Amino acid sequence: MGVFRTTVTRAADTRHEEALVERVRAALVDGVEPDDRTAAVIGLLVGPFGDGLVPLP
């Protein structure tokens, strides 16, 4: 809508993001037990009611 000005800064090294996406996919798709941090990220992505408000890339 263009009401608020935003600035996006992209990381030069995206390995951390790729690793996180792989861990989340492994837990959700392959049934691998997630570590505590990955489980917390999944909780944020899925939402409190499991309605999947944020799609995985």
Protein backbone atom coordinates (compact mmCIF):
# COMPACT_ATOMS: atom_id res chain seq x y z
CA MET A 1 0.00 0.00 0.00
CA GLY A 2 3.00 2.28 0.32
CA VAL A 3 1.88 4.02 3.50
CA PHE A 4 5.02 3.20 5.50
CA ARG A 5 8.54 3.40 4.16
CA THR A 6 10.57 0.23 4.75
CA THR A 7 14.18 -0.79 4.31
CA VAL A 8 15.21 -4.39 3.69
CA THR A 9 18.75 -5.51 4.37
CA ARG A 10 19.65 -8.88 2.88
CA ALA A 11 22.37 -11.03 4.40
CA ALA A 12 25.36 -11.65 2.17
CA ASP A 13 25.67 -15.18 3.55
CA THR A 14 22.36 -17.07 3.60
CA ARG A 15 23.67 -20.41 4.86
CA HIS A 16 22.02 -19.89 8.25
CA GLU A 17 18.62 -19.40 6.59
CA GLU A 18 19.09 -22.44 4.36
CA ALA A 19 20.07 -24.57 7.37
CA LEU A 20 17.02 -23.41 9.33
CA VAL A 21 14.66 -24.12 6.43
CA GLU A 22 16.19 -27.60 6.09
CA ARG A 23 15.72 -28.33 9.81
CA VAL A 24 12.10 -27.12 9.72
CA ARG A 25 11.36 -29.18 6.60
CA ALA A 26 12.99 -32.25 8.14
CA ALA A 27 10.78 -31.92 11.21
CA LEU A 28 7.53 -31.19 9.37
CA VAL A 29 7.92 -33.32 6.25
CA ASP A 30 10.27 -36.15 7.25
CA GLY A 31 9.15 -36.51 10.87
CA VAL A 32 12.60 -35.83 12.35
CA GLU A 33 12.51 -34.77 16.02
CA PRO A 34 13.29 -31.01 16.07
CA ASP A 35 15.75 -29.45 18.52
CA ASP A 36 14.41 -26.83 20.94
CA ARG A 37 15.17 -23.83 18.71
CA THR A 38 13.70 -25.43 15.61
CA ALA A 39 10.59 -26.40 17.57
CA ALA A 40 10.20 -22.77 18.69
CA VAL A 41 10.49 -21.53 15.10
CA ILE A 42 7.92 -24.09 13.97
CA GLY A 43 5.60 -22.86 16.72
CA LEU A 44 5.90 -19.30 15.39
CA LEU A 45 5.36 -20.39 11.78
CA VAL A 46 2.41 -22.68 12.40
CA GLY A 47 0.64 -20.47 14.94
CA PRO A 48 -1.11 -21.37 18.17
CA PHE A 49 -3.99 -23.13 16.45
CA GLY A 50 -1.98 -25.01 13.83
CA ASP A 51 -3.57 -23.05 11.02
CA GLY A 52 -0.26 -22.52 9.17
CA LEU A 53 -0.45 -18.77 8.71
CA VAL A 54 3.10 -18.58 7.33
CA PRO A 55 3.90 -20.85 4.36
CA LEU A 56 7.35 -22.42 4.16
CA PRO A 57 9.55 -21.31 1.25
